[in-house]
Amino acid sequence: MQIDKIRGHQTDQLFKAMLELKDLDECYEFFDDLCTISELQSLAQRLEVAQMLKLKKTYDTIQSETGASTATISRIRRCVDYGSGGYSKVLDRLYPETKEEQDETI
């Protein structure tokens, strides 16, 4: 896992802080302080790309709907397919109905 390279006190503190957020408003407040608008937009875009990849959307569709480059889409594809499972875990929890649809097509 790539995260093992940065595992440590500072990263633990960041993740624990995120787990303390109670609702969407608190998330907006925290991330407004933590990230630049560009950084936050990039993170949000990556999650959207991952969701679209899980829905079997084409690179062209993903690129036109999200503005992500093909290099970004490819990088996220590798994470979705061969990563630690973080994208799938979160997206399955956010969109359980989508997971059921994917399970039916397997």
PDB file of N, CA and C in Angstrom:
ATOM      1  N   MET A   1       0.833  -1.187   0.000  1.00  0.00           N
ATOM      2  CA  MET A   1       0.000   0.000   0.000  1.00  0.00           C
ATOM      3  C   MET A   1       0.878   1.252   0.000  1.00  0.00           C
ATOM      4  N   GLN A   2       0.491   2.214  -0.802  1.00  0.00           N
ATOM      5  CA  GLN A   2       1.233   3.462  -0.857  1.00  0.00           C
ATOM      6  C   GLN A   2       1.167   4.222   0.465  1.00  0.00           C
ATOM      7  N   ILE A   3       0.072   4.113   1.138  1.00  0.00           N
ATOM      8  CA  ILE A   3      -0.138   4.885   2.370  1.00  0.00           C
ATOM      9  C   ILE A   3       0.893   4.517   3.434  1.00  0.00           C
ATOM     10  N   ASP A   4       1.436   3.313   3.367  1.00  0.00           N
ATOM     11  CA  ASP A   4       2.461   2.910   4.340  1.00  0.00           C
ATOM     12  C   ASP A   4       3.669   3.835   4.295  1.00  0.00           C
ATOM     13  N   LYS A   5       3.907   4.446   3.138  1.00  0.00           N
ATOM     14  CA  LYS A   5       5.050   5.351   2.990  1.00  0.00           C
ATOM     15  C   LYS A   5       4.877   6.639   3.786  1.00  0.00           C
ATOM     16  N   ILE A   6       3.637   7.029   4.041  1.00  0.00           N
ATOM     17  CA  ILE A   6       3.400   8.283   4.779  1.00  0.00           C
ATOM     18  C   ILE A   6       2.742   8.054   6.133  1.00  0.00           C
ATOM     19  N   ARG A   7       2.595   6.792   6.486  1.00  0.00           N
ATOM     20  CA  ARG A   7       1.972   6.479   7.772  1.00  0.00           C
ATOM     21  C   ARG A   7       2.816   7.073   8.900  1.00  0.00           C
ATOM     22  N   GLY A   8       2.154   7.711   9.841  1.00  0.00           N
ATOM     23  CA  GLY A   8       2.861   8.304  10.964  1.00  0.00           C
ATOM     24  C   GLY A   8       1.942   9.222  11.749  1.00  0.00           C
ATOM     25  N   HIS A   9       2.509   9.909  12.706  1.00  0.00           N
ATOM     26  CA  HIS A   9       1.738  10.749  13.619  1.00  0.00           C
ATOM     27  C   HIS A   9       0.909  11.804  12.892  1.00  0.00           C
ATOM     28  N   GLN A  10       1.521  12.519  11.960  1.00  0.00           N
ATOM     29  CA  GLN A  10       0.798  13.598  11.287  1.00  0.00           C
ATOM     30  C   GLN A  10      -0.381  13.070  10.465  1.00  0.00           C
ATOM     31  N   THR A  11      -0.156  11.983   9.742  1.00  0.00           N
ATOM     32  CA  THR A  11      -1.229  11.400   8.944  1.00  0.00           C
ATOM     33  C   THR A  11      -2.314  10.828   9.847  1.00  0.00           C
ATOM     34  N   ASP A  12      -1.909  10.159  10.924  1.00  0.00           N
ATOM     35  CA  ASP A  12      -2.881   9.651  11.896  1.00  0.00           C
ATOM     36  C   ASP A  12      -3.730  10.788  12.442  1.00  0.00           C
ATOM     37  N   GLN A  13      -3.088  11.884  12.771  1.00  0.00           N
ATOM     38  CA  GLN A  13      -3.803  13.042  13.317  1.00  0.00           C
ATOM     39  C   GLN A  13      -4.818  13.577  12.305  1.00  0.00           C
ATOM     40  N   LEU A  14      -4.420  13.661  11.048  1.00  0.00           N
ATOM     41  CA  LEU A  14      -5.335  14.132  10.000  1.00  0.00           C
ATOM     42  C   LEU A  14      -6.543  13.219   9.876  1.00  0.00           C
ATOM     43  N   PHE A  15      -6.299  11.921   9.801  1.00  0.00           N
ATOM     44  CA  PHE A  15      -7.402  10.978   9.641  1.00  0.00           C
ATOM     45  C   PHE A  15      -8.307  10.948  10.864  1.00  0.00           C
ATOM     46  N   LYS A  16      -7.729  11.038  12.043  1.00  0.00           N
ATOM     47  CA  LYS A  16      -8.541  11.083  13.264  1.00  0.00           C
ATOM     48  C   LYS A  16      -9.384  12.350  13.289  1.00  0.00           C
ATOM     49  N   ALA A  17      -8.813  13.456  12.835  1.00  0.00           N
ATOM     50  CA  ALA A  17      -9.568  14.708  12.769  1.00  0.00           C
ATOM     51  C   ALA A  17     -10.758  14.557  11.824  1.00  0.00           C
ATOM     52  N   MET A  18     -10.540  13.927  10.701  1.00  0.00           N
ATOM     53  CA  MET A  18     -11.633  13.724   9.742  1.00  0.00           C
ATOM     54  C   MET A  18     -12.736  12.853  10.335  1.00  0.00           C
ATOM     55  N   LEU A  19     -12.345  11.860  11.108  1.00  0.00           N
ATOM     56  CA  LEU A  19     -13.332  10.984  11.742  1.00  0.00           C
ATOM     57  C   LEU A  19     -14.152  11.696  12.818  1.00  0.00           C
ATOM     58  N   GLU A  20     -13.651  12.823  13.305  1.00  0.00           N
ATOM     59  CA  GLU A  20     -14.369  13.594  14.325  1.00  0.00           C
ATOM     60  C   GLU A  20     -15.452  14.498  13.733  1.00  0.00           C
ATOM     61  N   LEU A  21     -15.451  14.692  12.433  1.00  0.00           N
ATOM     62  CA  LEU A  21     -16.438  15.566  11.801  1.00  0.00           C
ATOM     63  C   LEU A  21     -17.823  14.943  11.911  1.00  0.00           C
ATOM     64  N   LYS A  22     -18.794  15.761  12.296  1.00  0.00           N
ATOM     65  CA  LYS A  22     -20.126  15.243  12.613  1.00  0.00           C
ATOM     66  C   LYS A  22     -21.122  15.325  11.467  1.00  0.00           C
ATOM     67  N   ASP A  23     -20.952  16.307  10.567  1.00  0.00           N
ATOM     68  CA  ASP A  23     -21.929  16.465   9.501  1.00  0.00           C
ATOM     69  C   ASP A  23     -21.293  17.187   8.317  1.00  0.00           C
ATOM     70  N   LEU A  24     -22.071  17.374   7.272  1.00  0.00           N
ATOM     71  CA  LEU A  24     -21.575  17.992   6.052  1.00  0.00           C
ATOM     72  C   LEU A  24     -21.073  19.413   6.290  1.00  0.00           C
ATOM     73  N   ASP A  25     -21.781  20.174   7.117  1.00  0.00           N
ATOM     74  CA  ASP A  25     -21.336  21.548   7.409  1.00  0.00           C
ATOM     75  C   ASP A  25     -19.959  21.556   8.066  1.00  0.00           C
ATOM     76  N   GLU A  26     -19.729  20.659   9.018  1.00  0.00           N
ATOM     77  CA  GLU A  26     -18.419  20.577   9.656  1.00  0.00           C
ATOM     78  C   GLU A  26     -17.342  20.178   8.646  1.00  0.00           C
ATOM     79  N   CYS A  27     -17.689  19.306   7.713  1.00  0.00           N
ATOM     80  CA  CYS A  27     -16.729  18.923   6.671  1.00  0.00           C
ATOM     81  C   CYS A  27     -16.359  20.129   5.817  1.00  0.00           C
ATOM     82  N   TYR A  28     -17.361  20.892   5.407  1.00  0.00           N
ATOM     83  CA  TYR A  28     -17.079  22.089   4.620  1.00  0.00           C
ATOM     84  C   TYR A  28     -16.171  23.053   5.392  1.00  0.00           C
ATOM     85  N   GLU A  29     -16.471  23.259   6.654  1.00  0.00           N
ATOM     86  CA  GLU A  29     -15.667  24.181   7.467  1.00  0.00           C
ATOM     87  C   GLU A  29     -14.225  23.692   7.594  1.00  0.00           C
ATOM     88  N   PHE A  30     -14.055  22.418   7.903  1.00  0.00           N
ATOM     89  CA  PHE A  30     -12.721  21.856   8.097  1.00  0.00           C
ATOM     90  C   PHE A  30     -11.916  21.894   6.798  1.00  0.00           C
ATOM     91  N   PHE A  31     -12.524  21.422   5.721  1.00  0.00           N
ATOM     92  CA  PHE A  31     -11.798  21.375   4.455  1.00  0.00           C
ATOM     93  C   PHE A  31     -11.571  22.758   3.864  1.00  0.00           C
ATOM     94  N   ASP A  32     -12.418  23.713   4.189  1.00  0.00           N
ATOM     95  CA  ASP A  32     -12.193  25.091   3.771  1.00  0.00           C
ATOM     96  C   ASP A  32     -10.919  25.631   4.415  1.00  0.00           C
ATOM     97  N   ASP A  33     -10.702  25.269   5.666  1.00  0.00           N
ATOM     98  CA  ASP A  33      -9.485  25.675   6.372  1.00  0.00           C
ATOM     99  C   ASP A  33      -8.266  24.862   5.936  1.00  0.00           C
ATOM    100  N   LEU A  34      -8.473  23.594   5.654  1.00  0.00           N
ATOM    101  CA  LEU A  34      -7.372  22.668   5.386  1.00  0.00           C
ATOM    102  C   LEU A  34      -6.817  22.770   3.968  1.00  0.00           C
ATOM    103  N   CYS A  35      -7.683  22.906   2.994  1.00  0.00           N
ATOM    104  CA  CYS A  35      -7.292  22.797   1.585  1.00  0.00           C
ATOM    105  C   CYS A  35      -7.560  24.087   0.823  1.00  0.00           C
ATOM    106  N   THR A  36      -6.833  24.255  -0.267  1.00  0.00           N
ATOM    107  CA  THR A  36      -7.198  25.306  -1.206  1.00  0.00           C
ATOM    108  C   THR A  36      -8.426  24.817  -1.978  1.00  0.00           C
ATOM    109  N   ILE A  37      -9.101  25.737  -2.622  1.00  0.00           N
ATOM    110  CA  ILE A  37     -10.257  25.363  -3.427  1.00  0.00           C
ATOM    111  C   ILE A  37      -9.836  24.373  -4.510  1.00  0.00           C
ATOM    112  N   SER A  38      -8.703  24.605  -5.125  1.00  0.00           N
ATOM    113  CA  SER A  38      -8.203  23.731  -6.186  1.00  0.00           C
ATOM    114  C   SER A  38      -7.924  22.323  -5.662  1.00  0.00           C
ATOM    115  N   GLU A  39      -7.309  22.230  -4.494  1.00  0.00           N
ATOM    116  CA  GLU A  39      -7.032  20.912  -3.902  1.00  0.00           C
ATOM    117  C   GLU A  39      -8.324  20.167  -3.610  1.00  0.00           C
ATOM    118  N   LEU A  40      -9.285  20.865  -3.065  1.00  0.00           N
ATOM    119  CA  LEU A  40     -10.564  20.245  -2.730  1.00  0.00           C
ATOM    120  C   LEU A  40     -11.308  19.812  -3.992  1.00  0.00           C
ATOM    121  N   GLN A  41     -11.275  20.652  -5.017  1.00  0.00           N
ATOM    122  CA  GLN A  41     -11.915  20.287  -6.285  1.00  0.00           C
ATOM    123  C   GLN A  41     -11.247  19.052  -6.888  1.00  0.00           C
ATOM    124  N   SER A  42      -9.935  18.954  -6.791  1.00  0.00           N
ATOM    125  CA  SER A  42      -9.216  17.785  -7.314  1.00  0.00           C
ATOM    126  C   SER A  42      -9.616  16.516  -6.576  1.00  0.00           C
ATOM    127  N   LEU A  43      -9.714  16.605  -5.255  1.00  0.00           N
ATOM    128  CA  LEU A  43     -10.133  15.438  -4.472  1.00  0.00           C
ATOM    129  C   LEU A  43     -11.551  15.013  -4.839  1.00  0.00           C
ATOM    130  N   ALA A  44     -12.446  15.977  -4.948  1.00  0.00           N
ATOM    131  CA  ALA A  44     -13.835  15.684  -5.295  1.00  0.00           C
ATOM    132  C   ALA A  44     -13.919  15.081  -6.697  1.00  0.00           C
ATOM    133  N   GLN A  45     -13.126  15.618  -7.622  1.00  0.00           N
ATOM    134  CA  GLN A  45     -13.104  15.108  -8.983  1.00  0.00           C
ATOM    135  C   GLN A  45     -12.636  13.654  -9.006  1.00  0.00           C
ATOM    136  N   ARG A  46     -11.610  13.342  -8.244  1.00  0.00           N
ATOM    137  CA  ARG A  46     -11.083  11.972  -8.213  1.00  0.00           C
ATOM    138  C   ARG A  46     -12.140  10.986  -7.726  1.00  0.00           C
ATOM    139  N   LEU A  47     -12.886  11.368  -6.698  1.00  0.00           N
ATOM    140  CA  LEU A  47     -13.933  10.487  -6.188  1.00  0.00           C
ATOM    141  C   LEU A  47     -15.023  10.292  -7.235  1.00  0.00           C
ATOM    142  N   GLU A  48     -15.382  11.365  -7.923  1.00  0.00           N
ATOM    143  CA  GLU A  48     -16.394  11.267  -8.983  1.00  0.00           C
ATOM    144  C   GLU A  48     -15.898  10.369 -10.119  1.00  0.00           C
ATOM    145  N   VAL A  49     -14.645  10.512 -10.507  1.00  0.00           N
ATOM    146  CA  VAL A  49     -14.066   9.659 -11.551  1.00  0.00           C
ATOM    147  C   VAL A  49     -14.118   8.197 -11.108  1.00  0.00           C
ATOM    148  N   ALA A  50     -13.757   7.928  -9.875  1.00  0.00           N
ATOM    149  CA  ALA A  50     -13.792   6.548  -9.366  1.00  0.00           C
ATOM    150  C   ALA A  50     -15.207   5.984  -9.439  1.00  0.00           C
ATOM    151  N   GLN A  51     -16.194   6.782  -9.066  1.00  0.00           N
ATOM    152  CA  GLN A  51     -17.582   6.332  -9.124  1.00  0.00           C
ATOM    153  C   GLN A  51     -17.983   6.026 -10.577  1.00  0.00           C
ATOM    154  N   MET A  52     -17.599   6.895 -11.480  1.00  0.00           N
ATOM    155  CA  MET A  52     -17.948   6.680 -12.882  1.00  0.00           C
ATOM    156  C   MET A  52     -17.246   5.453 -13.457  1.00  0.00           C
ATOM    157  N   LEU A  53     -16.012   5.211 -13.039  1.00  0.00           N
ATOM    158  CA  LEU A  53     -15.309   4.002 -13.473  1.00  0.00           C
ATOM    159  C   LEU A  53     -16.018   2.753 -12.962  1.00  0.00           C
ATOM    160  N   LYS A  54     -16.454   2.790 -11.713  1.00  0.00           N
ATOM    161  CA  LYS A  54     -17.178   1.645 -11.153  1.00  0.00           C
ATOM    162  C   LYS A  54     -18.493   1.406 -11.891  1.00  0.00           C
ATOM    163  N   LEU A  55     -19.051   2.488 -12.448  1.00  0.00           N
ATOM    164  CA  LEU A  55     -20.292   2.370 -13.229  1.00  0.00           C
ATOM    165  C   LEU A  55     -20.017   2.015 -14.691  1.00  0.00           C
ATOM    166  N   LYS A  56     -18.732   1.732 -15.001  1.00  0.00           N
ATOM    167  CA  LYS A  56     -18.314   1.297 -16.337  1.00  0.00           C
ATOM    168  C   LYS A  56     -18.492   2.379 -17.403  1.00  0.00           C
ATOM    169  N   LYS A  57     -18.375   3.639 -17.006  1.00  0.00           N
ATOM    170  CA  LYS A  57     -18.425   4.737 -17.971  1.00  0.00           C
ATOM    171  C   LYS A  57     -17.133   4.746 -18.781  1.00  0.00           C
ATOM    172  N   THR A  58     -17.212   5.239 -20.005  1.00  0.00           N
ATOM    173  CA  THR A  58     -16.032   5.307 -20.855  1.00  0.00           C
ATOM    174  C   THR A  58     -15.156   6.488 -20.438  1.00  0.00           C
ATOM    175  N   TYR A  59     -13.876   6.400 -20.818  1.00  0.00           N
ATOM    176  CA  TYR A  59     -12.954   7.503 -20.529  1.00  0.00           C
ATOM    177  C   TYR A  59     -13.464   8.790 -21.157  1.00  0.00           C
ATOM    178  N   ASP A  60     -13.993   8.726 -22.377  1.00  0.00           N
ATOM    179  CA  ASP A  60     -14.506   9.935 -23.040  1.00  0.00           C
ATOM    180  C   ASP A  60     -15.642  10.567 -22.243  1.00  0.00           C
ATOM    181  N   THR A  61     -16.555   9.741 -21.767  1.00  0.00           N
ATOM    182  CA  THR A  61     -17.673  10.252 -20.972  1.00  0.00           C
ATOM    183  C   THR A  61     -17.169  10.867 -19.676  1.00  0.00           C
ATOM    184  N   ILE A  62     -16.268  10.166 -19.007  1.00  0.00           N
ATOM    185  CA  ILE A  62     -15.718  10.665 -17.742  1.00  0.00           C
ATOM    186  C   ILE A  62     -14.996  11.980 -17.960  1.00  0.00           C
ATOM    187  N   GLN A  63     -14.189  12.043 -19.008  1.00  0.00           N
ATOM    188  CA  GLN A  63     -13.425  13.259 -19.294  1.00  0.00           C
ATOM    189  C   GLN A  63     -14.361  14.430 -19.588  1.00  0.00           C
ATOM    190  N   SER A  64     -15.402  14.196 -20.363  1.00  0.00           N
ATOM    191  CA  SER A  64     -16.295  15.294 -20.717  1.00  0.00           C
ATOM    192  C   SER A  64     -17.160  15.735 -19.535  1.00  0.00           C
ATOM    193  N   GLU A  65     -17.545  14.808 -18.674  1.00  0.00           N
ATOM    194  CA  GLU A  65     -18.423  15.153 -17.551  1.00  0.00           C
ATOM    195  C   GLU A  65     -17.677  15.706 -16.341  1.00  0.00           C
ATOM    196  N   THR A  66     -16.406  15.314 -16.172  1.00  0.00           N
ATOM    197  CA  THR A  66     -15.671  15.752 -14.978  1.00  0.00           C
ATOM    198  C   THR A  66     -14.554  16.736 -15.286  1.00  0.00           C
ATOM    199  N   GLY A  67     -14.086  16.746 -16.523  1.00  0.00           N
ATOM    200  CA  GLY A  67     -12.940  17.578 -16.865  1.00  0.00           C
ATOM    201  C   GLY A  67     -11.607  16.945 -16.496  1.00  0.00           C
ATOM    202  N   ALA A  68     -11.633  15.721 -16.010  1.00  0.00           N
ATOM    203  CA  ALA A  68     -10.396  15.029 -15.632  1.00  0.00           C
ATOM    204  C   ALA A  68      -9.618  14.637 -16.879  1.00  0.00           C
ATOM    205  N   SER A  69      -8.305  14.686 -16.785  1.00  0.00           N
ATOM    206  CA  SER A  69      -7.455  14.269 -17.898  1.00  0.00           C
ATOM    207  C   SER A  69      -7.457  12.746 -17.994  1.00  0.00           C
ATOM    208  N   THR A  70      -7.072  12.245 -19.170  1.00  0.00           N
ATOM    209  CA  THR A  70      -6.988  10.792 -19.315  1.00  0.00           C
ATOM    210  C   THR A  70      -5.914  10.214 -18.393  1.00  0.00           C
ATOM    211  N   ALA A  71      -4.861  10.988 -18.116  1.00  0.00           N
ATOM    212  CA  ALA A  71      -3.831  10.520 -17.182  1.00  0.00           C
ATOM    213  C   ALA A  71      -4.407  10.353 -15.780  1.00  0.00           C
ATOM    214  N   THR A  72      -5.223  11.313 -15.343  1.00  0.00           N
ATOM    215  CA  THR A  72      -5.868  11.218 -14.028  1.00  0.00           C
ATOM    216  C   THR A  72      -6.824  10.038 -13.988  1.00  0.00           C
ATOM    217  N   ILE A  73      -7.600   9.879 -15.042  1.00  0.00           N
ATOM    218  CA  ILE A  73      -8.554   8.767 -15.097  1.00  0.00           C
ATOM    219  C   ILE A  73      -7.810   7.435 -15.032  1.00  0.00           C
ATOM    220  N   SER A  74      -6.710   7.325 -15.765  1.00  0.00           N
ATOM    221  CA  SER A  74      -5.916   6.091 -15.760  1.00  0.00           C
ATOM    222  C   SER A  74      -5.341   5.796 -14.375  1.00  0.00           C
ATOM    223  N   ARG A  75      -4.845   6.839 -13.712  1.00  0.00           N
ATOM    224  CA  ARG A  75      -4.283   6.668 -12.365  1.00  0.00           C
ATOM    225  C   ARG A  75      -5.362   6.172 -11.394  1.00  0.00           C
ATOM    226  N   ILE A  76      -6.544   6.760 -11.506  1.00  0.00           N
ATOM    227  CA  ILE A  76      -7.640   6.358 -10.616  1.00  0.00           C
ATOM    228  C   ILE A  76      -8.111   4.946 -10.966  1.00  0.00           C
ATOM    229  N   ARG A  77      -8.118   4.622 -12.246  1.00  0.00           N
ATOM    230  CA  ARG A  77      -8.481   3.267 -12.682  1.00  0.00           C
ATOM    231  C   ARG A  77      -7.570   2.236 -12.017  1.00  0.00           C
ATOM    232  N   ARG A  78      -6.252   2.511 -11.995  1.00  0.00           N
ATOM    233  CA  ARG A  78      -5.312   1.590 -11.344  1.00  0.00           C
ATOM    234  C   ARG A  78      -5.650   1.437  -9.860  1.00  0.00           C
ATOM    235  N   CYS A  79      -5.994   2.546  -9.211  1.00  0.00           N
ATOM    236  CA  CYS A  79      -6.346   2.483  -7.782  1.00  0.00           C
ATOM    237  C   CYS A  79      -7.631   1.695  -7.573  1.00  0.00           C
ATOM    238  N   VAL A  80      -8.615   1.929  -8.413  1.00  0.00           N
ATOM    239  CA  VAL A  80      -9.887   1.216  -8.289  1.00  0.00           C
ATOM    240  C   VAL A  80      -9.669  -0.283  -8.505  1.00  0.00           C
ATOM    241  N   ASP A  81      -8.857  -0.620  -9.509  1.00  0.00           N
ATOM    242  CA  ASP A  81      -8.655  -2.027  -9.851  1.00  0.00           C
ATOM    243  C   ASP A  81      -7.647  -2.746  -8.957  1.00  0.00           C
ATOM    244  N   TYR A  82      -6.569  -2.049  -8.579  1.00  0.00           N
ATOM    245  CA  TYR A  82      -5.461  -2.726  -7.895  1.00  0.00           C
ATOM    246  C   TYR A  82      -5.043  -2.076  -6.582  1.00  0.00           C
ATOM    247  N   GLY A  83      -5.752  -1.038  -6.160  1.00  0.00           N
ATOM    248  CA  GLY A  83      -5.373  -0.325  -4.948  1.00  0.00           C
ATOM    249  C   GLY A  83      -5.785  -1.050  -3.684  1.00  0.00           C
ATOM    250  N   SER A  84      -5.811  -0.326  -2.605  1.00  0.00           N
ATOM    251  CA  SER A  84      -6.100  -0.916  -1.299  1.00  0.00           C
ATOM    252  C   SER A  84      -7.590  -1.102  -1.034  1.00  0.00           C
ATOM    253  N   GLY A  85      -8.441  -0.687  -1.972  1.00  0.00           N
ATOM    254  CA  GLY A  85      -9.882  -0.892  -1.816  1.00  0.00           C
ATOM    255  C   GLY A  85     -10.613   0.280  -1.192  1.00  0.00           C
ATOM    256  N   GLY A  86      -9.908   1.371  -0.962  1.00  0.00           N
ATOM    257  CA  GLY A  86     -10.523   2.525  -0.322  1.00  0.00           C
ATOM    258  C   GLY A  86     -11.657   3.149  -1.123  1.00  0.00           C
ATOM    259  N   TYR A  87     -11.437   3.327  -2.422  1.00  0.00           N
ATOM    260  CA  TYR A  87     -12.498   3.901  -3.258  1.00  0.00           C
ATOM    261  C   TYR A  87     -13.746   3.026  -3.199  1.00  0.00           C
ATOM    262  N   SER A  88     -13.576   1.735  -3.405  1.00  0.00           N
ATOM    263  CA  SER A  88     -14.734   0.835  -3.428  1.00  0.00           C
ATOM    264  C   SER A  88     -15.472   0.829  -2.105  1.00  0.00           C
ATOM    265  N   LYS A  89     -14.711   0.808  -1.031  1.00  0.00           N
ATOM    266  CA  LYS A  89     -15.336   0.781   0.291  1.00  0.00           C
ATOM    267  C   LYS A  89     -16.217   2.010   0.508  1.00  0.00           C
ATOM    268  N   VAL A  90     -15.673   3.176   0.215  1.00  0.00           N
ATOM    269  CA  VAL A  90     -16.423   4.419   0.430  1.00  0.00           C
ATOM    270  C   VAL A  90     -17.597   4.522  -0.542  1.00  0.00           C
ATOM    271  N   LEU A  91     -17.355   4.229  -1.811  1.00  0.00           N
ATOM    272  CA  LEU A  91     -18.432   4.358  -2.800  1.00  0.00           C
ATOM    273  C   LEU A  91     -19.542   3.346  -2.562  1.00  0.00           C
ATOM    274  N   ASP A  92     -19.205   2.142  -2.124  1.00  0.00           N
ATOM    275  CA  ASP A  92     -20.231   1.144  -1.807  1.00  0.00           C
ATOM    276  C   ASP A  92     -21.093   1.603  -0.633  1.00  0.00           C
ATOM    277  N   ARG A  93     -20.491   2.323   0.299  1.00  0.00           N
ATOM    278  CA  ARG A  93     -21.258   2.834   1.441  1.00  0.00           C
ATOM    279  C   ARG A  93     -22.098   4.036   1.050  1.00  0.00           C
ATOM    280  N   LEU A  94     -21.557   4.890   0.171  1.00  0.00           N
ATOM    281  CA  LEU A  94     -22.313   6.064  -0.284  1.00  0.00           C
ATOM    282  C   LEU A  94     -23.466   5.677  -1.203  1.00  0.00           C
ATOM    283  N   TYR A  95     -23.237   4.680  -2.040  1.00  0.00           N
ATOM    284  CA  TYR A  95     -24.214   4.277  -3.058  1.00  0.00           C
ATOM    285  C   TYR A  95     -24.455   2.775  -3.017  1.00  0.00           C
ATOM    286  N   PRO A  96     -25.085   2.283  -1.953  1.00  0.00           N
ATOM    287  CA  PRO A  96     -25.268   0.827  -1.840  1.00  0.00           C
ATOM    288  C   PRO A  96     -26.100   0.247  -2.981  1.00  0.00           C
ATOM    289  N   GLU A  97     -27.018   1.034  -3.539  1.00  0.00           N
ATOM    290  CA  GLU A  97     -27.833   0.536  -4.648  1.00  0.00           C
ATOM    291  C   GLU A  97     -26.977   0.265  -5.886  1.00  0.00           C
ATOM    292  N   THR A  98     -25.916   1.033  -6.072  1.00  0.00           N
ATOM    293  CA  THR A  98     -25.006   0.838  -7.200  1.00  0.00           C
ATOM    294  C   THR A  98     -24.219  -0.446  -7.014  1.00  0.00           C
ATOM    295  N   LYS A  99     -23.816  -0.738  -5.784  1.00  0.00           N
ATOM    296  CA  LYS A  99     -23.074  -1.968  -5.512  1.00  0.00           C
ATOM    297  C   LYS A  99     -23.937  -3.176  -5.842  1.00  0.00           C
ATOM    298  N   GLU A 100     -25.218  -3.111  -5.480  1.00  0.00           N
ATOM    299  CA  GLU A 100     -26.114  -4.223  -5.772  1.00  0.00           C
ATOM    300  C   GLU A 100     -26.236  -4.436  -7.275  1.00  0.00           C
ATOM    301  N   GLU A 101     -26.327  -3.338  -8.041  1.00  0.00           N
ATOM    302  CA  GLU A 101     -26.405  -3.444  -9.490  1.00  0.00           C
ATOM    303  C   GLU A 101     -25.124  -4.061 -10.055  1.00  0.00           C
ATOM    304  N   GLN A 102     -23.968  -3.672  -9.517  1.00  0.00           N
ATOM    305  CA  GLN A 102     -22.688  -4.204  -9.988  1.00  0.00           C
ATOM    306  C   GLN A 102     -22.593  -5.689  -9.658  1.00  0.00           C
ATOM    307  N   ASP A 103     -23.049  -6.085  -8.475  1.00  0.00           N
ATOM    308  CA  ASP A 103     -22.993  -7.481  -8.075  1.00  0.00           C
ATOM    309  C   ASP A 103     -23.847  -8.347  -9.014  1.00  0.00           C
ATOM    310  N   GLU A 104     -24.966  -7.789  -9.493  1.00  0.00           N
ATOM    311  CA  GLU A 104     -25.858  -8.540 -10.382  1.00  0.00           C
ATOM    312  C   GLU A 104     -25.226  -8.768 -11.749  1.00  0.00           C
ATOM    313  N   THR A 105     -24.340  -7.874 -12.183  1.00  0.00           N
ATOM    314  CA  THR A 105     -23.726  -8.008 -13.509  1.00  0.00           C
ATOM    315  C   THR A 105     -22.491  -8.900 -13.478  1.00  0.00           C
ATOM    316  N   ILE A 106     -22.050  -9.287 -12.318  1.00  0.00           N
ATOM    317  CA  ILE A 106     -20.839 -10.141 -12.205  1.00  0.00           C
ATOM    318  C   ILE A 106     -21.211 -11.591 -12.406  1.00  0.00           C
TER     319      ILE A 106
END
